[in-house]
C-alpha atoms as a PDB file:
ATOM      1  CA  UNK A   1     128.410 114.359 137.935  1.00  0.00           C
ATOM      2  CA  UNK A   2     128.096 110.633 138.638  1.00  0.00           C
ATOM      3  CA  UNK A   3     126.567 108.120 136.254  1.00  0.00           C
ATOM      4  CA  UNK A   4     123.463 107.811 138.417  1.00  0.00           C
ATOM      5  CA  UNK A   5     123.017 111.576 138.240  1.00  0.00           C
ATOM      6  CA  UNK A   6     123.412 111.820 134.474  1.00  0.00           C
ATOM      7  CA  UNK A   7     120.566 113.363 132.560  1.00  0.00           C
ATOM      8  CA  UNK A   8     118.419 111.092 130.376  1.00  0.00           C
ATOM      9  CA  UNK A   9     119.957 112.571 127.222  1.00  0.00           C
ATOM     10  CA  UNK A  10     123.414 111.502 128.424  1.00  0.00           C
ATOM     11  CA  UNK A  11     122.510 107.907 129.311  1.00  0.00           C
ATOM     12  CA  UNK A  12     123.434 105.137 126.865  1.00  0.00           C
ATOM     13  CA  UNK A  13     120.577 104.130 124.639  1.00  0.00           C
ATOM     14  CA  UNK A  14     119.445 100.516 125.054  1.00  0.00           C
ATOM     15  CA  UNK A  15     119.647  97.982 122.283  1.00  0.00           C
ATOM     16  CA  UNK A  16     115.861  97.840 121.879  1.00  0.00           C
ATOM     17  CA  UNK A  17     115.607 101.630 121.619  1.00  0.00           C
ATOM     18  CA  UNK A  18     118.354 101.752 119.002  1.00  0.00           C
ATOM     19  CA  UNK A  19     116.619  99.029 117.009  1.00  0.00           C
ATOM     20  CA  UNK A  20     113.322 100.951 117.158  1.00  0.00           C
ATOM     21  CA  UNK A  21     115.052 104.089 115.978  1.00  0.00           C
ATOM     22  CA  UNK A  22     116.613 102.165 113.091  1.00  0.00           C
ATOM     23  CA  UNK A  23     113.218 100.658 112.261  1.00  0.00           C
ATOM     24  CA  UNK A  24     111.716 104.165 112.005  1.00  0.00           C
ATOM     25  CA  UNK A  25     114.559 105.218 109.722  1.00  0.00           C
ATOM     26  CA  UNK A  26     114.210 102.125 107.525  1.00  0.00           C
ATOM     27  CA  UNK A  27     110.431 102.551 107.357  1.00  0.00           C
ATOM     28  CA  UNK A  28     110.738 106.200 106.317  1.00  0.00           C
ATOM     29  CA  UNK A  29     113.295 105.224 103.691  1.00  0.00           C
ATOM     30  CA  UNK A  30     111.037 102.559 102.215  1.00  0.00           C
ATOM     31  CA  UNK A  31     107.914 104.756 102.199  1.00  0.00           C
ATOM     32  CA  UNK A  32     109.778 107.747 100.788  1.00  0.00           C
ATOM     33  CA  UNK A  33     111.221 105.722  97.899  1.00  0.00           C
ATOM     34  CA  UNK A  34     109.063 106.217  94.832  1.00  0.00           C
ATOM     35  CA  UNK A  35     110.288 103.103  93.079  1.00  0.00           C
ATOM     36  CA  UNK A  36     109.620 101.048  96.206  1.00  0.00           C
ATOM     37  CA  UNK A  37     106.081 102.403  96.481  1.00  0.00           C
ATOM     38  CA  UNK A  38     105.413 101.495  92.859  1.00  0.00           C
ATOM     39  CA  UNK A  39     106.526  97.891  93.428  1.00  0.00           C
ATOM     40  CA  UNK A  40     104.933  97.511  96.858  1.00  0.00           C
ATOM     41  CA  UNK A  41     101.594  99.253  96.383  1.00  0.00           C
ATOM     42  CA  UNK A  42     100.921 100.592  92.888  1.00  0.00           C
ATOM     43  CA  UNK A  43     101.653  97.409  90.910  1.00  0.00           C
ATOM     44  CA  UNK A  44      99.751  95.103  93.291  1.00  0.00           C
ATOM     45  CA  UNK A  45      96.819  97.546  93.242  1.00  0.00           C
ATOM     46  CA  UNK A  46      96.880  97.547  89.429  1.00  0.00           C
ATOM     47  CA  UNK A  47      96.988  93.744  89.440  1.00  0.00           C
ATOM     48  CA  UNK A  48      94.029  93.668  91.823  1.00  0.00           C
ATOM     49  CA  UNK A  49      91.856  95.918  89.683  1.00  0.00           C
ATOM     50  CA  UNK A  50      92.854  94.285  86.405  1.00  0.00           C
ATOM     51  CA  UNK A  51      92.306  90.703  87.557  1.00  0.00           C
ATOM     52  CA  UNK A  52      89.079  91.503  89.417  1.00  0.00           C
ATOM     53  CA  UNK A  53      87.511  93.174  86.375  1.00  0.00           C
ATOM     54  CA  UNK A  54      88.438  90.462  83.882  1.00  0.00           C
ATOM     55  CA  UNK A  55      87.365  86.838  83.518  1.00  0.00           C
ATOM     56  CA  UNK A  56      90.627  85.391  82.250  1.00  0.00           C
ATOM     57  CA  UNK A  57      92.551  83.459  83.374  1.00  0.00           C
ATOM     58  CA  UNK A  58      90.113  81.303  85.326  1.00  0.00           C
ATOM     59  CA  UNK A  59      90.912  81.196  89.023  1.00  0.00           C
ATOM     60  CA  UNK A  60      88.471  78.441  89.972  1.00  0.00           C
ATOM     61  CA  UNK A  61      85.082  78.287  91.636  1.00  0.00           C
ATOM     62  CA  UNK A  62      83.926  81.218  93.748  1.00  0.00           C
ATOM     63  CA  UNK A  63      83.598  84.980  93.483  1.00  0.00           C
ATOM     64  CA  UNK A  64      86.517  86.298  91.474  1.00  0.00           C
ATOM     65  CA  UNK A  65      87.405  89.163  93.799  1.00  0.00           C
ATOM     66  CA  UNK A  66      87.593  86.736  96.730  1.00  0.00           C
ATOM     67  CA  UNK A  67      90.072  84.614  94.781  1.00  0.00           C
ATOM     68  CA  UNK A  68      92.090  87.548  93.453  1.00  0.00           C
ATOM     69  CA  UNK A  69      92.572  89.394  96.738  1.00  0.00           C
ATOM     70  CA  UNK A  70      94.692  86.798  98.640  1.00  0.00           C
ATOM     71  CA  UNK A  71      97.044  86.467  95.697  1.00  0.00           C
ATOM     72  CA  UNK A  72      97.493  90.213  95.455  1.00  0.00           C
ATOM     73  CA  UNK A  73      98.283  90.374  99.168  1.00  0.00           C
ATOM     74  CA  UNK A  74     100.872  87.629  98.656  1.00  0.00           C
ATOM     75  CA  UNK A  75     102.376  89.563  95.755  1.00  0.00           C
ATOM     76  CA  UNK A  76     102.592  92.701  97.891  1.00  0.00           C
ATOM     77  CA  UNK A  77     104.406  90.834 100.667  1.00  0.00           C
ATOM     78  CA  UNK A  78     106.965  89.479  98.231  1.00  0.00           C
ATOM     79  CA  UNK A  79     107.375  92.961  96.711  1.00  0.00           C
ATOM     80  CA  UNK A  80     108.310  94.504 100.073  1.00  0.00           C
ATOM     81  CA  UNK A  81     109.943  91.648 101.956  1.00  0.00           C
ATOM     82  CA  UNK A  82     112.001  90.336  99.040  1.00  0.00           C
ATOM     83  CA  UNK A  83     112.374  92.655  96.072  1.00  0.00           C
ATOM     84  CA  UNK A  84     112.536  95.958  97.934  1.00  0.00           C
ATOM     85  CA  UNK A  85     114.622  94.635 100.825  1.00  0.00           C
ATOM     86  CA  UNK A  86     117.097  92.798  98.566  1.00  0.00           C
ATOM     87  CA  UNK A  87     117.734  95.888  96.450  1.00  0.00           C
ATOM     88  CA  UNK A  88     117.987  98.265  99.411  1.00  0.00           C
ATOM     89  CA  UNK A  89     120.340  95.954 101.304  1.00  0.00           C
ATOM     90  CA  UNK A  90     122.452  95.290  98.226  1.00  0.00           C
ATOM     91  CA  UNK A  91     123.133  98.967  97.676  1.00  0.00           C
ATOM     92  CA  UNK A  92     123.632  99.574 101.397  1.00  0.00           C
ATOM     93  CA  UNK A  93     126.329  96.918 101.318  1.00  0.00           C
ATOM     94  CA  UNK A  94     127.919  98.411  98.190  1.00  0.00           C
ATOM     95  CA  UNK A  95     128.158 101.901  99.673  1.00  0.00           C
ATOM     96  CA  UNK A  96     129.515 100.702 102.995  1.00  0.00           C
ATOM     97  CA  UNK A  97     126.398 101.494 105.005  1.00  0.00           C
ATOM     98  CA  UNK A  98     126.152  97.980 106.423  1.00  0.00           C
ATOM     99  CA  UNK A  99     129.802  97.965 107.460  1.00  0.00           C
ATOM    100  CA  UNK A 100     129.397 101.361 109.107  1.00  0.00           C
ATOM    101  CA  UNK A 101     126.285 100.381 111.082  1.00  0.00           C
ATOM    102  CA  UNK A 102     127.890  97.081 112.055  1.00  0.00           C
ATOM    103  CA  UNK A 103     130.577  98.824 114.116  1.00  0.00           C
ATOM    104  CA  UNK A 104     128.219 101.355 115.763  1.00  0.00           C
ATOM    105  CA  UNK A 105     126.364 100.703 119.040  1.00  0.00           C
ATOM    106  CA  UNK A 106     123.409  99.612 116.907  1.00  0.00           C
ATOM    107  CA  UNK A 107     125.335  96.524 115.879  1.00  0.00           C
ATOM    108  CA  UNK A 108     124.485  93.999 113.236  1.00  0.00           C
ATOM    109  CA  UNK A 109     121.632  92.430 115.194  1.00  0.00           C
ATOM    110  CA  UNK A 110     120.048  95.830 115.753  1.00  0.00           C
ATOM    111  CA  UNK A 111     120.361  96.677 112.074  1.00  0.00           C
ATOM    112  CA  UNK A 112     118.691  93.431 111.001  1.00  0.00           C
ATOM    113  CA  UNK A 113     115.973  93.865 113.626  1.00  0.00           C
ATOM    114  CA  UNK A 114     115.304  97.375 112.333  1.00  0.00           C
ATOM    115  CA  UNK A 115     115.049  96.150 108.745  1.00  0.00           C
ATOM    116  CA  UNK A 116     112.666  93.346 109.732  1.00  0.00           C
ATOM    117  CA  UNK A 117     110.454  95.719 111.713  1.00  0.00           C
ATOM    118  CA  UNK A 118     110.370  98.183 108.812  1.00  0.00           C
ATOM    119  CA  UNK A 119     109.227  95.424 106.467  1.00  0.00           C
ATOM    120  CA  UNK A 120     106.374  94.529 108.834  1.00  0.00           C
ATOM    121  CA  UNK A 121     105.265  98.143 109.095  1.00  0.00           C
ATOM    122  CA  UNK A 122     105.232  98.602 105.303  1.00  0.00           C
ATOM    123  CA  UNK A 123     103.398  95.282 104.831  1.00  0.00           C
ATOM    124  CA  UNK A 124     100.733  96.455 107.281  1.00  0.00           C
ATOM    125  CA  UNK A 125     100.363  99.754 105.413  1.00  0.00           C
ATOM    126  CA  UNK A 126     100.106  98.148 101.986  1.00  0.00           C
ATOM    127  CA  UNK A 127      97.707  95.471 103.305  1.00  0.00           C
ATOM    128  CA  UNK A 128      95.369  98.165 104.645  1.00  0.00           C
ATOM    129  CA  UNK A 129      95.470 100.092 101.365  1.00  0.00           C
ATOM    130  CA  UNK A 130      94.865  96.960  99.247  1.00  0.00           C
ATOM    131  CA  UNK A 131      92.144  95.734 101.608  1.00  0.00           C
ATOM    132  CA  UNK A 132      90.286  99.053 101.294  1.00  0.00           C
ATOM    133  CA  UNK A 133      90.421  98.776  97.498  1.00  0.00           C
ATOM    134  CA  UNK A 134      89.302  95.152  97.672  1.00  0.00           C
ATOM    135  CA  UNK A 135      86.418  95.885 100.024  1.00  0.00           C
ATOM    136  CA  UNK A 136      85.276  98.703  97.741  1.00  0.00           C
ATOM    137  CA  UNK A 137      85.180  96.168  94.906  1.00  0.00           C
ATOM    138  CA  UNK A 138      83.093  93.728  96.917  1.00  0.00           C
ATOM    139  CA  UNK A 139      85.729  91.554  98.594  1.00  0.00           C
ATOM    140  CA  UNK A 140      84.130  89.402 101.298  1.00  0.00           C
ATOM    141  CA  UNK A 141      86.879  87.457 103.132  1.00  0.00           C
ATOM    142  CA  UNK A 142      86.162  84.585 105.493  1.00  0.00           C
ATOM    143  CA  UNK A 143      86.597  86.445 108.779  1.00  0.00           C
ATOM    144  CA  UNK A 144      87.258  83.213 110.669  1.00  0.00           C
ATOM    145  CA  UNK A 145      90.420  82.786 108.598  1.00  0.00           C
ATOM    146  CA  UNK A 146      91.932  86.218 109.189  1.00  0.00           C
ATOM    147  CA  UNK A 147      94.051  84.990 112.102  1.00  0.00           C
ATOM    148  CA  UNK A 148      95.413  82.215 109.901  1.00  0.00           C
ATOM    149  CA  UNK A 149      96.091  84.724 107.141  1.00  0.00           C
ATOM    150  CA  UNK A 150      98.132  86.838 109.585  1.00  0.00           C
ATOM    151  CA  UNK A 151     100.181  83.765 110.483  1.00  0.00           C
ATOM    152  CA  UNK A 152     100.906  83.092 106.814  1.00  0.00           C
ATOM    153  CA  UNK A 153     101.748  86.755 106.235  1.00  0.00           C
ATOM    154  CA  UNK A 154     104.259  86.713 109.090  1.00  0.00           C
ATOM    155  CA  UNK A 155     105.820  83.482 107.919  1.00  0.00           C
ATOM    156  CA  UNK A 156     105.971  84.866 104.393  1.00  0.00           C
ATOM    157  CA  UNK A 157     107.733  88.004 105.617  1.00  0.00           C
ATOM    158  CA  UNK A 158     110.264  85.914 107.506  1.00  0.00           C
ATOM    159  CA  UNK A 159     111.015  83.571 104.612  1.00  0.00           C
ATOM    160  CA  UNK A 160     111.220  86.304 101.983  1.00  0.00           C
ATOM    161  CA  UNK A 161     113.305  88.718 104.072  1.00  0.00           C
ATOM    162  CA  UNK A 162     115.747  85.881 104.744  1.00  0.00           C
ATOM    163  CA  UNK A 163     115.896  85.146 100.997  1.00  0.00           C
ATOM    164  CA  UNK A 164     116.358  88.837 100.258  1.00  0.00           C
ATOM    165  CA  UNK A 165     119.329  89.067 102.627  1.00  0.00           C
ATOM    166  CA  UNK A 166     120.749  85.846 101.179  1.00  0.00           C
ATOM    167  CA  UNK A 167     120.619  87.337  97.663  1.00  0.00           C
ATOM    168  CA  UNK A 168     121.860  90.781  98.738  1.00  0.00           C
ATOM    169  CA  UNK A 169     124.774  89.282 100.634  1.00  0.00           C
ATOM    170  CA  UNK A 170     125.919  87.090  97.769  1.00  0.00           C
ATOM    171  CA  UNK A 171     125.791  89.323  94.667  1.00  0.00           C
ATOM    172  CA  UNK A 172     126.933  92.800  93.749  1.00  0.00           C
ATOM    173  CA  UNK A 173     124.312  95.529  93.963  1.00  0.00           C
ATOM    174  CA  UNK A 174     123.703  95.800  90.208  1.00  0.00           C
ATOM    175  CA  UNK A 175     123.213  92.047  89.956  1.00  0.00           C
ATOM    176  CA  UNK A 176     120.841  92.097  92.943  1.00  0.00           C
ATOM    177  CA  UNK A 177     118.768  94.788  91.217  1.00  0.00           C
ATOM    178  CA  UNK A 178     118.440  92.753  88.032  1.00  0.00           C
ATOM    179  CA  UNK A 179     117.905  89.366  89.668  1.00  0.00           C
ATOM    180  CA  UNK A 180     115.414  90.588  92.305  1.00  0.00           C
ATOM    181  CA  UNK A 181     113.258  92.304  89.671  1.00  0.00           C
ATOM    182  CA  UNK A 182     113.420  89.298  87.368  1.00  0.00           C
ATOM    183  CA  UNK A 183     112.401  86.938  90.171  1.00  0.00           C
ATOM    184  CA  UNK A 184     109.479  89.244  91.021  1.00  0.00           C
ATOM    185  CA  UNK A 185     108.187  89.137  87.455  1.00  0.00           C
ATOM    186  CA  UNK A 186     108.541  85.347  87.212  1.00  0.00           C
ATOM    187  CA  UNK A 187     106.825  84.766  90.571  1.00  0.00           C
ATOM    188  CA  UNK A 188     103.977  87.117  89.681  1.00  0.00           C
ATOM    189  CA  UNK A 189     103.445  85.247  86.413  1.00  0.00           C
ATOM    190  CA  UNK A 190     104.021  81.581  87.272  1.00  0.00           C
ATOM    191  CA  UNK A 191     105.068  81.421  90.915  1.00  0.00           C
ATOM    192  CA  UNK A 192     101.712  80.674  92.481  1.00  0.00           C
ATOM    193  CA  UNK A 193     101.172  84.173  93.880  1.00  0.00           C
ATOM    194  CA  UNK A 194      98.336  85.447  91.664  1.00  0.00           C
ATOM    195  CA  UNK A 195      97.434  82.173  89.947  1.00  0.00           C
ATOM    196  CA  UNK A 196      96.321  79.266  92.197  1.00  0.00           C
ATOM    197  CA  UNK A 197      98.456  76.162  91.958  1.00  0.00           C
ATOM    198  CA  UNK A 198      95.385  73.948  91.626  1.00  0.00           C
ATOM    199  CA  UNK A 199      94.721  75.624  88.274  1.00  0.00           C
ATOM    200  CA  UNK A 200      98.182  74.695  86.945  1.00  0.00           C
ATOM    201  CA  UNK A 201      99.192  71.482  85.157  1.00  0.00           C
ATOM    202  CA  UNK A 202      99.804  68.775  87.759  1.00  0.00           C
ATOM    203  CA  UNK A 203     103.558  68.482  87.226  1.00  0.00           C
ATOM    204  CA  UNK A 204     104.078  72.237  87.404  1.00  0.00           C
ATOM    205  CA  UNK A 205     101.750  72.592  90.377  1.00  0.00           C
ATOM    206  CA  UNK A 206     103.677  70.001  92.366  1.00  0.00           C
ATOM    207  CA  UNK A 207     106.851  72.066  91.961  1.00  0.00           C
ATOM    208  CA  UNK A 208     105.277  75.494  92.545  1.00  0.00           C
ATOM    209  CA  UNK A 209     103.602  74.307  95.771  1.00  0.00           C
ATOM    210  CA  UNK A 210     107.083  73.693  97.183  1.00  0.00           C
ATOM    211  CA  UNK A 211     108.222  77.242  96.419  1.00  0.00           C
ATOM    212  CA  UNK A 212     107.797  79.955  99.078  1.00  0.00           C
ATOM    213  CA  UNK A 213     105.735  81.921  96.562  1.00  0.00           C
ATOM    214  CA  UNK A 214     103.310  79.111  95.907  1.00  0.00           C
ATOM    215  CA  UNK A 215     103.076  78.288  99.615  1.00  0.00           C
ATOM    216  CA  UNK A 216     102.317  81.908 100.508  1.00  0.00           C
ATOM    217  CA  UNK A 217      99.727  82.329  97.762  1.00  0.00           C
ATOM    218  CA  UNK A 218      97.986  79.023  98.463  1.00  0.00           C
ATOM    219  CA  UNK A 219      98.097  79.596 102.237  1.00  0.00           C
ATOM    220  CA  UNK A 220      96.481  83.033 102.040  1.00  0.00           C
ATOM    221  CA  UNK A 221      93.861  81.797  99.577  1.00  0.00           C
ATOM    222  CA  UNK A 222      92.960  78.861 101.816  1.00  0.00           C
ATOM    223  CA  UNK A 223      92.851  81.025 104.917  1.00  0.00           C
ATOM    224  CA  UNK A 224      90.725  83.805 103.438  1.00  0.00           C
ATOM    225  CA  UNK A 225      88.296  81.629 101.485  1.00  0.00           C
ATOM    226  CA  UNK A 226      87.437  78.325 103.118  1.00  0.00           C
ATOM    227  CA  UNK A 227      90.580  77.034 104.915  1.00  0.00           C
ATOM    228  CA  UNK A 228      89.346  73.503 104.179  1.00  0.00           C
ATOM    229  CA  UNK A 229      92.442  71.569 105.153  1.00  0.00           C
ATOM    230  CA  UNK A 230      94.819  72.903 102.479  1.00  0.00           C
ATOM    231  CA  UNK A 231      96.804  74.740 105.121  1.00  0.00           C
ATOM    232  CA  UNK A 232      99.363  72.227 106.372  1.00  0.00           C
ATOM    233  CA  UNK A 233     101.578  71.955 103.272  1.00  0.00           C
ATOM    234  CA  UNK A 234     101.889  75.731 102.737  1.00  0.00           C
ATOM    235  CA  UNK A 235     102.643  76.156 106.425  1.00  0.00           C
ATOM    236  CA  UNK A 236     105.386  73.531 106.405  1.00  0.00           C
ATOM    237  CA  UNK A 237     106.904  74.854 103.149  1.00  0.00           C
ATOM    238  CA  UNK A 238     107.136  78.436 104.427  1.00  0.00           C
ATOM    239  CA  UNK A 239     108.705  77.364 107.747  1.00  0.00           C
ATOM    240  CA  UNK A 240     111.206  75.159 105.916  1.00  0.00           C
ATOM    241  CA  UNK A 241     112.202  77.953 103.503  1.00  0.00           C
ATOM    242  CA  UNK A 242     112.474  80.408 106.392  1.00  0.00           C
ATOM    243  CA  UNK A 243     114.747  78.115 108.397  1.00  0.00           C
ATOM    244  CA  UNK A 244     116.989  77.161 105.478  1.00  0.00           C
ATOM    245  CA  UNK A 245     117.311  80.734 104.188  1.00  0.00           C
ATOM    246  CA  UNK A 246     118.054  82.067 107.662  1.00  0.00           C
ATOM    247  CA  UNK A 247     120.832  79.541 108.248  1.00  0.00           C
ATOM    248  CA  UNK A 248     122.372  80.095 104.829  1.00  0.00           C
ATOM    249  CA  UNK A 249     122.211  83.870 105.244  1.00  0.00           C
ATOM    250  CA  UNK A 250     123.894  83.717 108.647  1.00  0.00           C
ATOM    251  CA  UNK A 251     126.733  81.658 107.171  1.00  0.00           C
ATOM    252  CA  UNK A 252     127.274  83.452 103.886  1.00  0.00           C
ATOM    253  CA  UNK A 253     126.177  87.090 104.280  1.00  0.00           C
ATOM    254  CA  UNK A 254     128.941  89.597 103.495  1.00  0.00           C
ATOM    255  CA  UNK A 255     128.692  92.968 105.197  1.00  0.00           C
ATOM    256  CA  UNK A 256     130.812  94.725 102.557  1.00  0.00           C
ATOM    257  CA  UNK A 257     131.878  94.170  98.953  1.00  0.00           C
END
C-alpha cells in the first residue's frame, strides 16, 4: 500500500495534533492532582471568602468584594502558572520524563506548547469557579475592563510559566518543591497579589510594583475596577519579566538531572 493510500490511523500525526494531545494529558494531570487543586482553587477560594467577609486589612476605597476579587484571580494564576507548573516540571525532569518526551516525535517544543496550553485551560476553569463564587457574594466588575483583564491574565500566565520553567530547570525537584511553595506564600502575603501596592509603605510599594506579582495584581485591579490610567506600568513590567524569563529559561533549562 502506498503512502497516499495509507489509512488515517497509519499517517504521521502533525506537530499541532501532538501538541494538542499533550495539552489534554497535561490538563488531565493537573486537574486530577489533589494537591494542585488545593493550591489552584481551594486556597484562592478560601482567601476570597475570608477577605471579602472581613474588614482588615484595609484595601482602599470601594466595595471590598470588588477589590478582593482581582487579587484572588491574580493569586490563582500564580498558583497554577508558577507553583504548580514548577513542581510538576521539576519532578518530570527528575524522573526522566522530559528527556523521554524530548526525543519522541512530540519534541521539546511540542512538550512546552502542551504545558502552556494546559496552564491556560486550568486558569480558565479556576477563573470561572472563582468568578461564580465572587458573583454570588456581590462582585460587580467593570465590564468595560474585562478585555484588559484578559490581556493581563495572559501576560501573567506567560511570565509566570517562564519563571516556573526557569526554576524547575535550575534546581533539583525537592528544592523546587520547597522554593516554589515558599515563594507562593511570600507573594500571597507581601507580593502585591492580594494586597494593593498603593496601600503599602512607599518604599516597599516601589519595589513590589516592579515584581511580576505586584504588576499582575495591580493590573487586574485597575482593569476590573476603574482602569484609570494605572495600566501602563503593570503592562510593561509583565512584558519585561516575560521576555527576560523566557530568554534565561531557553539558555539555562536542563532537560535532565
